[in-house]
Structure formats: C-alpha cells, structure tokens
C-alpha atoms as a PDB file:
ATOM      1  CA  MET A   1       6.609  36.569   6.295  1.00  0.00           C
ATOM      2  CA  SER A   2       3.405  36.897   4.237  1.00  0.00           C
ATOM      3  CA  LYS A   3       0.577  34.380   4.532  1.00  0.00           C
ATOM      4  CA  PHE A   4       1.157  33.221   0.941  1.00  0.00           C
ATOM      5  CA  ALA A   5       4.890  32.722   1.469  1.00  0.00           C
ATOM      6  CA  GLU A   6       4.266  30.720   4.642  1.00  0.00           C
ATOM      7  CA  HIS A   7       1.615  28.550   2.953  1.00  0.00           C
ATOM      8  CA  ASP A   8       4.068  27.834   0.151  1.00  0.00           C
ATOM      9  CA  ARG A   9       6.354  26.137   2.688  1.00  0.00           C
ATOM     10  CA  LEU A  10       3.838  23.329   3.166  1.00  0.00           C
ATOM     11  CA  SER A  11       3.720  20.538   0.582  1.00  0.00           C
ATOM     12  CA  ILE A  12       0.799  18.128   0.498  1.00  0.00           C
ATOM     13  CA  VAL A  13       2.234  14.784  -0.603  1.00  0.00           C
ATOM     14  CA  LEU A  14      -0.190  12.153  -1.915  1.00  0.00           C
ATOM     15  CA  VAL A  15       1.302   8.661  -2.122  1.00  0.00           C
ATOM     16  CA  SER A  16       0.006   6.144  -4.707  1.00  0.00           C
ATOM     17  CA  THR A  17      -3.403   7.795  -5.169  1.00  0.00           C
ATOM     18  CA  ARG A  18      -5.585   5.813  -7.583  1.00  0.00           C
ATOM     19  CA  ASN A  19      -8.991   7.501  -7.744  1.00  0.00           C
ATOM     20  CA  PRO A  20      -9.152  10.701  -9.857  1.00  0.00           C
ATOM     21  CA  LEU A  21     -12.145  11.925  -7.824  1.00  0.00           C
ATOM     22  CA  ASN A  22     -10.138  11.700  -4.605  1.00  0.00           C
ATOM     23  CA  LEU A  23      -7.125  13.383  -6.163  1.00  0.00           C
ATOM     24  CA  GLY A  24      -9.319  16.150  -7.562  1.00  0.00           C
ATOM     25  CA  ALA A  25     -11.121  16.609  -4.231  1.00  0.00           C
ATOM     26  CA  ALA A  26      -7.794  16.904  -2.397  1.00  0.00           C
ATOM     27  CA  ALA A  27      -6.545  19.485  -4.907  1.00  0.00           C
ATOM     28  CA  ARG A  28      -9.772  21.475  -4.597  1.00  0.00           C
ATOM     29  CA  ALA A  29      -9.484  21.507  -0.787  1.00  0.00           C
ATOM     30  CA  MET A  30      -5.933  22.815  -1.128  1.00  0.00           C
ATOM     31  CA  SER A  31      -7.169  25.615  -3.377  1.00  0.00           C
ATOM     32  CA  ASN A  32      -9.965  26.412  -0.897  1.00  0.00           C
ATOM     33  CA  PHE A  33      -7.530  26.996   1.944  1.00  0.00           C
ATOM     34  CA  GLY A  34      -4.693  28.554  -0.040  1.00  0.00           C
ATOM     35  CA  PHE A  35      -2.147  25.727   0.104  1.00  0.00           C
ATOM     36  CA  LEU A  36      -1.098  25.245  -3.527  1.00  0.00           C
ATOM     37  CA  ASN A  37       1.977  23.001  -3.327  1.00  0.00           C
ATOM     38  CA  LEU A  38       0.891  19.466  -4.328  1.00  0.00           C
ATOM     39  CA  ARG A  39       3.306  16.579  -4.824  1.00  0.00           C
ATOM     40  CA  ALA A  40       2.182  13.164  -6.070  1.00  0.00           C
ATOM     41  CA  VAL A  41       4.269  10.017  -5.566  1.00  0.00           C
ATOM     42  CA  ASN A  42       3.606   7.200  -8.050  1.00  0.00           C
ATOM     43  CA  PRO A  43       0.003   8.255  -8.744  1.00  0.00           C
ATOM     44  CA  TYR A  44      -2.126   6.025 -10.947  1.00  0.00           C
ATOM     45  CA  ASP A  45      -1.542   7.585 -14.361  1.00  0.00           C
ATOM     46  CA  VAL A  46      -5.212   7.727 -15.338  1.00  0.00           C
ATOM     47  CA  ALA A  47      -6.140   9.322 -12.018  1.00  0.00           C
ATOM     48  CA  PHE A  48      -3.443  11.966 -12.362  1.00  0.00           C
ATOM     49  CA  ARG A  49      -4.552  12.910 -15.887  1.00  0.00           C
ATOM     50  CA  GLU A  50      -8.272  12.991 -15.148  1.00  0.00           C
ATOM     51  CA  ALA A  51      -7.867  14.952 -11.914  1.00  0.00           C
ATOM     52  CA  ARG A  52      -6.394  17.854 -13.889  1.00  0.00           C
ATOM     53  CA  SER A  53      -9.898  18.642 -15.146  1.00  0.00           C
ATOM     54  CA  ALA A  54     -11.591  18.386 -11.737  1.00  0.00           C
ATOM     55  CA  VAL A  55     -13.790  21.373 -10.865  1.00  0.00           C
ATOM     56  CA  GLY A  56     -11.898  23.874  -8.713  1.00  0.00           C
ATOM     57  CA  ALA A  57      -8.643  21.881  -8.874  1.00  0.00           C
ATOM     58  CA  ALA A  58      -7.091  23.365 -12.021  1.00  0.00           C
ATOM     59  CA  VAL A  59      -4.816  25.880 -10.259  1.00  0.00           C
ATOM     60  CA  VAL A  60      -3.306  23.269  -7.950  1.00  0.00           C
ATOM     61  CA  MET A  61      -3.110  20.455 -10.523  1.00  0.00           C
ATOM     62  CA  LYS A  62      -1.412  22.679 -13.105  1.00  0.00           C
ATOM     63  CA  SER A  63       1.571  23.203 -10.811  1.00  0.00           C
ATOM     64  CA  ALA A  64       1.510  19.737  -9.178  1.00  0.00           C
ATOM     65  CA  LYS A  65       4.797  17.816  -9.257  1.00  0.00           C
ATOM     66  CA  GLU A  66       5.079  14.084  -9.823  1.00  0.00           C
ATOM     67  CA  PHE A  67       7.783  11.924  -8.184  1.00  0.00           C
ATOM     68  CA  GLN A  68       8.822   8.299  -8.537  1.00  0.00           C
ATOM     69  CA  SER A  69       9.893   7.939  -4.899  1.00  0.00           C
ATOM     70  CA  LEU A  70       8.816   9.419  -1.586  1.00  0.00           C
ATOM     71  CA  GLY A  71      12.429  10.203  -0.715  1.00  0.00           C
ATOM     72  CA  ASP A  72      12.680  12.502  -3.736  1.00  0.00           C
ATOM     73  CA  ALA A  73       9.327  14.131  -2.971  1.00  0.00           C
ATOM     74  CA  VAL A  74      10.339  15.202   0.558  1.00  0.00           C
ATOM     75  CA  GLY A  75      14.041  15.761  -0.078  1.00  0.00           C
ATOM     76  CA  ASP A  76      13.946  19.549   0.404  1.00  0.00           C
ATOM     77  CA  CYS A  77      11.837  19.410   3.588  1.00  0.00           C
ATOM     78  CA  SER A  78      13.111  19.677   7.163  1.00  0.00           C
ATOM     79  CA  LEU A  79       9.949  18.158   8.694  1.00  0.00           C
ATOM     80  CA  VAL A  80       7.894  15.236   7.341  1.00  0.00           C
ATOM     81  CA  VAL A  81       4.557  14.373   8.969  1.00  0.00           C
ATOM     82  CA  GLY A  82       2.489  11.300   8.139  1.00  0.00           C
ATOM     83  CA  THR A  83      -1.273  11.042   8.550  1.00  0.00           C
ATOM     84  CA  THR A  84      -2.594   7.676   9.719  1.00  0.00           C
ATOM     85  CA  THR A  85      -5.154   5.872  11.840  1.00  0.00           C
ATOM     86  CA  LEU A  86      -2.633   3.144  12.806  1.00  0.00           C
ATOM     87  CA  ARG A  87      -5.491   0.789  13.572  1.00  0.00           C
ATOM     88  CA  ASN A  88      -3.649  -2.529  13.924  1.00  0.00           C
ATOM     89  CA  ARG A  89      -0.084  -1.449  13.235  1.00  0.00           C
ATOM     90  CA  GLU A  90       2.926  -0.979  15.437  1.00  0.00           C
ATOM     91  CA  ARG A  91       3.866   2.659  15.972  1.00  0.00           C
ATOM     92  CA  HIS A  92       7.511   3.749  15.982  1.00  0.00           C
ATOM     93  CA  GLN A  93       7.109   7.540  16.035  1.00  0.00           C
ATOM     94  CA  PRO A  94       5.252   9.972  18.286  1.00  0.00           C
ATOM     95  CA  MET A  95       1.657  10.577  17.205  1.00  0.00           C
ATOM     96  CA  TYR A  96      -0.363  13.743  17.867  1.00  0.00           C
ATOM     97  CA  ARG A  97      -3.991  14.675  17.480  1.00  0.00           C
ATOM     98  CA  LEU A  98      -4.798  17.067  14.671  1.00  0.00           C
ATOM     99  CA  GLU A  99      -4.960  20.141  16.929  1.00  0.00           C
ATOM    100  CA  GLU A 100      -1.486  19.607  18.400  1.00  0.00           C
ATOM    101  CA  GLY A 101      -0.053  18.430  15.105  1.00  0.00           C
ATOM    102  CA  ALA A 102      -1.252  21.565  13.310  1.00  0.00           C
ATOM    103  CA  ARG A 103       0.373  23.750  15.948  1.00  0.00           C
ATOM    104  CA  ARG A 104       3.695  21.954  15.518  1.00  0.00           C
ATOM    105  CA  ILE A 105       3.494  22.169  11.732  1.00  0.00           C
ATOM    106  CA  ARG A 106       2.848  25.903  11.800  1.00  0.00           C
ATOM    107  CA  LYS A 107       5.818  26.413  14.096  1.00  0.00           C
ATOM    108  CA  ALA A 108       8.085  24.423  11.748  1.00  0.00           C
ATOM    109  CA  MET A 109       6.868  26.382   8.701  1.00  0.00           C
ATOM    110  CA  VAL A 110       8.395  29.567  10.135  1.00  0.00           C
ATOM    111  CA  SER A 111      11.927  28.324   9.445  1.00  0.00           C
ATOM    112  CA  GLY A 112      11.716  25.498   6.898  1.00  0.00           C
ATOM    113  CA  ARG A 113       9.704  23.407   4.471  1.00  0.00           C
ATOM    114  CA  VAL A 114       7.188  20.844   5.736  1.00  0.00           C
ATOM    115  CA  ALA A 115       5.682  17.818   3.970  1.00  0.00           C
ATOM    116  CA  LEU A 116       2.290  16.444   5.049  1.00  0.00           C
ATOM    117  CA  LEU A 117       1.798  12.887   3.772  1.00  0.00           C
ATOM    118  CA  PHE A 118      -1.443  11.113   2.854  1.00  0.00           C
ATOM    119  CA  GLY A 119      -1.425   7.446   1.797  1.00  0.00           C
ATOM    120  CA  SER A 120      -3.400   5.544  -0.804  1.00  0.00           C
ATOM    121  CA  GLU A 121      -7.131   5.054  -0.449  1.00  0.00           C
ATOM    122  CA  LYS A 122      -6.837   1.309   0.108  1.00  0.00           C
ATOM    123  CA  VAL A 123      -3.886   0.796   2.471  1.00  0.00           C
ATOM    124  CA  GLY A 124      -2.755   4.256   3.576  1.00  0.00           C
ATOM    125  CA  LEU A 125       0.954   4.821   4.188  1.00  0.00           C
ATOM    126  CA  SER A 126       3.197   1.731   4.197  1.00  0.00           C
ATOM    127  CA  ASN A 127       5.809   1.049   6.874  1.00  0.00           C
ATOM    128  CA  ASP A 128       8.470   2.200   4.426  1.00  0.00           C
ATOM    129  CA  ASP A 129       6.525   5.436   3.828  1.00  0.00           C
ATOM    130  CA  LEU A 130       6.199   5.989   7.579  1.00  0.00           C
ATOM    131  CA  SER A 131       9.954   5.547   8.047  1.00  0.00           C
ATOM    132  CA  HIS A 132      10.409   8.881   6.241  1.00  0.00           C
ATOM    133  CA  CYS A 133       8.306  10.684   8.883  1.00  0.00           C
ATOM    134  CA  HIS A 134       9.482  12.538  11.994  1.00  0.00           C
ATOM    135  CA  TRP A 135       6.125  12.034  13.669  1.00  0.00           C
ATOM    136  CA  LEU A 136       2.515  11.135  12.859  1.00  0.00           C
ATOM    137  CA  MET A 137      -0.802  12.939  13.063  1.00  0.00           C
ATOM    138  CA  HIS A 138      -4.350  11.618  13.263  1.00  0.00           C
ATOM    139  CA  ILE A 139      -7.806  13.114  12.974  1.00  0.00           C
ATOM    140  CA  PRO A 140      -9.938  12.180  16.016  1.00  0.00           C
ATOM    141  CA  THR A 141     -12.712  10.136  14.397  1.00  0.00           C
ATOM    142  CA  ARG A 142     -15.163   7.572  15.730  1.00  0.00           C
ATOM    143  CA  GLU A 143     -13.318   4.414  16.808  1.00  0.00           C
ATOM    144  CA  LYS A 144     -15.637   2.088  14.874  1.00  0.00           C
ATOM    145  CA  HIS A 145     -15.205   4.093  11.667  1.00  0.00           C
ATOM    146  CA  PRO A 146     -11.747   5.753  11.773  1.00  0.00           C
ATOM    147  CA  SER A 147     -10.931   6.082   8.056  1.00  0.00           C
ATOM    148  CA  MET A 148     -11.875   9.191   6.094  1.00  0.00           C
ATOM    149  CA  ASN A 149     -12.123   9.894   2.388  1.00  0.00           C
ATOM    150  CA  LEU A 150      -8.820  11.311   1.098  1.00  0.00           C
ATOM    151  CA  GLY A 151     -10.304  14.646   0.007  1.00  0.00           C
ATOM    152  CA  GLN A 152     -12.109  15.035   3.342  1.00  0.00           C
ATOM    153  CA  ALA A 153      -8.949  14.265   5.325  1.00  0.00           C
ATOM    154  CA  VAL A 154      -6.926  16.847   3.386  1.00  0.00           C
ATOM    155  CA  ALA A 155      -9.671  19.450   3.852  1.00  0.00           C
ATOM    156  CA  VAL A 156      -9.962  18.871   7.615  1.00  0.00           C
ATOM    157  CA  CYS A 157      -6.184  19.085   8.132  1.00  0.00           C
ATOM    158  CA  LEU A 158      -5.839  22.284   6.102  1.00  0.00           C
ATOM    159  CA  TYR A 159      -8.833  23.851   7.842  1.00  0.00           C
ATOM    160  CA  GLU A 160      -7.169  23.246  11.204  1.00  0.00           C
ATOM    161  CA  LEU A 161      -3.900  24.712   9.944  1.00  0.00           C
ATOM    162  CA  GLY A 162      -5.709  27.808   8.685  1.00  0.00           C
ATOM    163  CA  ARG A 163      -7.907  28.103  11.785  1.00  0.00           C
ATOM    164  CA  GLU A 164      -4.860  28.641  13.990  1.00  0.00           C
ATOM    165  CA  GLU A 165      -3.582  31.585  11.974  1.00  0.00           C
ATOM    166  CA  LYS A 166      -5.553  34.278  13.770  1.00  0.00           C
ATOM    167  CA  ALA A 167      -4.605  32.939  17.180  1.00  0.00           C
ATOM    168  CA  GLU A 168      -0.938  32.987  16.209  1.00  0.00           C
ATOM    169  CA  THR A 169      -0.865  36.420  14.566  1.00  0.00           C
ATOM    170  CA  ALA A 170       0.276  38.140  17.762  1.00  0.00           C
ATOM    171  CA  THR A 171       3.008  35.538  18.250  1.00  0.00           C
ATOM    172  CA  ARG A 172       4.300  36.033  14.719  1.00  0.00           C
ATOM    173  CA  LYS A 173       4.394  39.801  15.231  1.00  0.00           C
ATOM    174  CA  LYS A 174       6.542  39.309  18.308  1.00  0.00           C
ATOM    175  CA  ARG A 175       8.965  37.233  16.202  1.00  0.00           C
ATOM    176  CA  ARG A 176       9.620  40.099  13.783  1.00  0.00           C
ATOM    177  CA  GLY A 177      13.162  41.312  14.178  1.00  0.00           C
ATOM    178  CA  VAL A 178      14.037  38.257  16.249  1.00  0.00           C
ATOM    179  CA  GLU A 179      16.499  35.780  14.823  1.00  0.00           C
ATOM    180  CA  ILE A 180      14.899  32.462  13.900  1.00  0.00           C
ATOM    181  CA  GLY A 181      16.630  29.361  15.251  1.00  0.00           C
ATOM    182  CA  PRO A 182      18.710  26.923  13.215  1.00  0.00           C
ATOM    183  CA  VAL A 183      17.016  25.077  10.361  1.00  0.00           C
ATOM    184  CA  GLY A 184      16.550  21.334  10.713  1.00  0.00           C
ATOM    185  CA  ALA A 185      18.366  18.976   8.372  1.00  0.00           C
ATOM    186  CA  ARG A 186      16.874  18.476   4.929  1.00  0.00           C
ATOM    187  CA  MET A 187      15.525  15.022   4.189  1.00  0.00           C
ATOM    188  CA  ASP A 188      17.815  14.502   1.211  1.00  0.00           C
ATOM    189  CA  THR A 189      20.801  15.058   3.529  1.00  0.00           C
ATOM    190  CA  LEU A 190      19.438  12.491   6.006  1.00  0.00           C
ATOM    191  CA  GLU A 191      18.873  10.023   3.165  1.00  0.00           C
ATOM    192  CA  ARG A 192      22.502  10.401   2.081  1.00  0.00           C
ATOM    193  CA  ILE A 193      23.602   9.736   5.667  1.00  0.00           C
ATOM    194  CA  ALA A 194      21.356   6.668   5.864  1.00  0.00           C
ATOM    195  CA  GLU A 195      22.700   5.278   2.576  1.00  0.00           C
ATOM    196  CA  ALA A 196      26.355   5.771   3.576  1.00  0.00           C
ATOM    197  CA  LEU A 197      25.768   4.419   7.085  1.00  0.00           C
ATOM    198  CA  LEU A 198      23.922   1.362   5.774  1.00  0.00           C
ATOM    199  CA  ARG A 199      26.792   0.573   3.384  1.00  0.00           C
ATOM    200  CA  THR A 200      29.253   0.941   6.263  1.00  0.00           C
ATOM    201  CA  LEU A 201      27.230  -1.399   8.479  1.00  0.00           C
ATOM    202  CA  GLU A 202      26.956  -3.954   5.664  1.00  0.00           C
ATOM    203  CA  LYS A 203      30.709  -3.921   5.048  1.00  0.00           C
ATOM    204  CA  SER A 204      31.411  -4.399   8.741  1.00  0.00           C
ATOM    205  CA  GLY A 205      29.067  -7.401   8.882  1.00  0.00           C
ATOM    206  CA  TYR A 206      26.725  -5.626  11.311  1.00  0.00           C
ATOM    207  CA  VAL A 207      23.787  -5.876   8.900  1.00  0.00           C
ATOM    208  CA  ALA A 208      23.025  -9.165   7.160  1.00  0.00           C
ATOM    209  CA  PRO A 209      21.844  -8.949   3.507  1.00  0.00           C
ATOM    210  CA  ARG A 210      18.465 -10.428   4.446  1.00  0.00           C
ATOM    211  CA  GLY A 211      17.949  -7.689   7.024  1.00  0.00           C
ATOM    212  CA  GLN A 212      18.787  -4.733   4.797  1.00  0.00           C
ATOM    213  CA  ALA A 213      15.212  -3.498   4.271  1.00  0.00           C
ATOM    214  CA  THR A 214      14.413  -3.583   7.987  1.00  0.00           C
ATOM    215  CA  ALA A 215      17.712  -1.915   8.851  1.00  0.00           C
ATOM    216  CA  GLU A 216      17.069   0.871   6.345  1.00  0.00           C
ATOM    217  CA  GLU A 217      13.676   1.697   7.871  1.00  0.00           C
ATOM    218  CA  LYS A 218      15.124   1.705  11.391  1.00  0.00           C
ATOM    219  CA  LEU A 219      18.035   3.917  10.344  1.00  0.00           C
ATOM    220  CA  ARG A 220      15.608   6.463   8.864  1.00  0.00           C
ATOM    221  CA  ARG A 221      13.564   6.591  12.047  1.00  0.00           C
ATOM    222  CA  MET A 222      16.666   6.848  14.234  1.00  0.00           C
ATOM    223  CA  LEU A 223      18.163   9.711  12.205  1.00  0.00           C
ATOM    224  CA  ARG A 224      14.916  11.669  12.443  1.00  0.00           C
ATOM    225  CA  ARG A 225      14.827  11.202  16.216  1.00  0.00           C
ATOM    226  CA  PHE A 226      18.266  12.838  16.387  1.00  0.00           C
ATOM    227  CA  ALA A 227      16.664  16.109  15.169  1.00  0.00           C
ATOM    228  CA  LEU A 228      19.923  17.196  13.538  1.00  0.00           C
ATOM    229  CA  GLU A 229      20.441  20.725  12.272  1.00  0.00           C
ATOM    230  CA  GLU A 230      21.503  20.990   8.629  1.00  0.00           C
ATOM    231  CA  GLY A 231      25.093  21.986   9.448  1.00  0.00           C
ATOM    232  CA  ASP A 232      25.520  19.114  11.912  1.00  0.00           C
ATOM    233  CA  ALA A 233      24.000  16.675   9.425  1.00  0.00           C
ATOM    234  CA  GLU A 234      26.549  17.666   6.775  1.00  0.00           C
ATOM    235  CA  VAL A 235      29.390  17.123   9.269  1.00  0.00           C
ATOM    236  CA  PHE A 236      27.944  13.744  10.302  1.00  0.00           C
ATOM    237  CA  LEU A 237      27.664  12.753   6.633  1.00  0.00           C
ATOM    238  CA  GLY A 238      31.321  13.637   6.102  1.00  0.00           C
ATOM    239  CA  MET A 239      32.332  11.482   9.076  1.00  0.00           C
ATOM    240  CA  VAL A 240      30.411   8.434   7.857  1.00  0.00           C
ATOM    241  CA  LYS A 241      31.701   8.778   4.287  1.00  0.00           C
ATOM    242  CA  LYS A 242      35.279   9.019   5.574  1.00  0.00           C
ATOM    243  CA  VAL A 243      34.874   5.828   7.622  1.00  0.00           C
ATOM    244  CA  LEU A 244      33.320   4.059   4.629  1.00  0.00           C
ATOM    245  CA  TRP A 245      36.114   5.206   2.319  1.00  0.00           C
ATOM    246  CA  LYS A 246      38.748   3.928   4.746  1.00  0.00           C
ATOM    247  CA  MET A 247      36.976   0.556   5.011  1.00  0.00           C
ATOM    248  CA  GLU A 248      36.762   0.216   1.231  1.00  0.00           C
ATOM    249  CA  GLU A 249      40.388   1.251   0.823  1.00  0.00           C
ATOM    250  CA  LYS A 250      41.504  -1.323   3.390  1.00  0.00           C
ATOM    251  CA  THR A 251      39.451  -4.047   1.716  1.00  0.00           C
ATOM    252  CA  GLU A 252      40.940  -3.249  -1.695  1.00  0.00           C
ATOM    253  CA  LYS A 253      44.451  -3.556  -0.258  1.00  0.00           C
ATOM    254  CA  GLY A 254      43.617  -6.937   1.193  1.00  0.00           C
ATOM    255  CA  GLY A 255      44.084  -5.785   4.765  1.00  0.00           C
ATOM    256  CA  ALA A 256      40.610  -6.921   5.817  1.00  0.00           C
ATOM    257  CA  LYS A 257      37.927  -9.200   4.488  1.00  0.00           C
ATOM    258  CA  GLU A 258      34.537  -7.680   3.862  1.00  0.00           C
ATOM    259  CA  GLY A 259      31.989  -8.889   6.389  1.00  0.00           C
ATOM    260  CA  SER A 260      34.591 -10.089   8.892  1.00  0.00           C
ATOM    261  CA  GLY A 261      34.142  -9.530  12.597  1.00  0.00           C
ATOM    262  CA  GLU A 262      31.327 -10.200  14.994  1.00  0.00           C
ATOM    263  CA  ARG A 263      27.830  -9.664  13.702  1.00  0.00           C
ATOM    264  CA  LYS A 264      25.410  -7.875  15.964  1.00  0.00           C
ATOM    265  CA  PRO A 265      21.641  -8.325  15.786  1.00  0.00           C
ATOM    266  CA  PHE A 266      20.713  -4.963  14.259  1.00  0.00           C
ATOM    267  CA  GLU A 267      17.306  -6.361  13.364  1.00  0.00           C
ATOM    268  CA  SER A 268      16.407  -6.472  17.050  1.00  0.00           C
ATOM    269  CA  ARG A 269      17.099  -2.773  17.574  1.00  0.00           C
ATOM    270  CA  THR A 270      14.733   0.104  16.980  1.00  0.00           C
END
C-alpha cells in the first residue's frame, strides 16, 4: 500500500471546535504531514467558514466533511481513538502514551479506517464522546500544565505517526504477499447493535428510562471491548434484532406486558 493510500485511512475528527485559528492550525498541521482527511463534528459555524481561508489549510479545508453527530463521523471506521488528559475524570478505557498509541494506530491502518478524535478547546471530549472510543491516547506533558493548543496537539500526534514510518518500512515489506487478518467491525454496525440491544433491554425492564443515557454509554464501551470482527458483528446484530422482534410481537399479541419481570441494576455495571 502506498504512503498516500495509508494516510487516507486516518481521519482527524475535531469535535465542537469554536476558534477558527485553532481549526486552521489543525488543518495546516494535517497538510504538513500529509494527512488530508478532516472531519468536523458540530463546529462553530463562523469558525468553520473562517478557517477555510487559513494560510496553508486550503487543501485540507476544501475537502473537509461536516457532521451533526460523532456517531456519523466515525461510522465507517474500525478503530476510534480519543485524545485526552483525563485530569480529574474517571477512565473507562485503556490509555496509552503517544508513542505506543501511534504504533497501534499505524498497525490498525493497514487493514481498516481509523478516527483520531480531538475535543473542543474549552472542555475536550465529553463522556459521551469518549464512549465512542476503543481506547485513549495522551501526549506526555508537564503535570502542572497538561493541556495543549488544539493545533499543537494535532501536529505532535501526526509527527509521531509519520516519524514511525521509516522504522516500520521493513515490517511492511515483509507483509507484502501475506494475507491481512480480519477487519474489525465498523462503528456504524456497532451503533446499530447498541441501539437494538438498548431497546431490547428497555422492553425487558432491565434498563429504567431514567438510566437510558448511562446505559447507552456503557453499552458502547462494552461492545468496543469485545473487539468484534465485521462478520461477527453482523451476526450478533441479527441475533439481537430477532430477539427484539419476538419481544415486540409477543407484546402486541398481549402475551406479555412491556417492562414486566425483575429489573436488574444495569446502572451499576460497567
């Protein structure tokens, strides 16, 4: 696979960016290192428009895609990685330093699409945003001043990804002619499983209405920990949809009341 084709498998996803200077700086860093696939989730409209004229960012901004939800932005990816400092927040996924994270990302790019997420300038990635991630990555900064400017963070991450290329050239040559392993499940497939499973759990009374948001985040994290292959994910989705259909059919016939049965404390599970 050519360097350009491999770079095209990485999408930089900026979530709720508000400052046009930061958006432009991130786009320029992408152009510097040859990663041209930018996706923006709910960007501040003024910032998105003004960043298009940022010096050195025109090539990236011209082809940038805008999304209303993070789920849509990462739907075609088989690996989603969030960047965070996690200063005073509970962590639910594995977290790796930049060096190790870059190595894992490059390995995943051989067989599928990868999304690298950066949060807003003010609050970073929310808990809901993080629930879409398989694992997290952080840049080793000074403890008393951990946060970096968005453009700087993008540049440092892409530099590390590019820096490893020479060291991995021999490994890639050895892979030529060797069958690549199964592709991980796409995120849109996992989202469909989560939606069907959540509806099933609600109908069974396992999830209370007030706990739906928490349950949805935990389901996302759990499904990503399963590390399903795409074929297995499709089979799993079929199973869940069949169970849900049977439950709905039984309810319509009056054979069971929705929400009956013992309720289990899903909110207490991870």
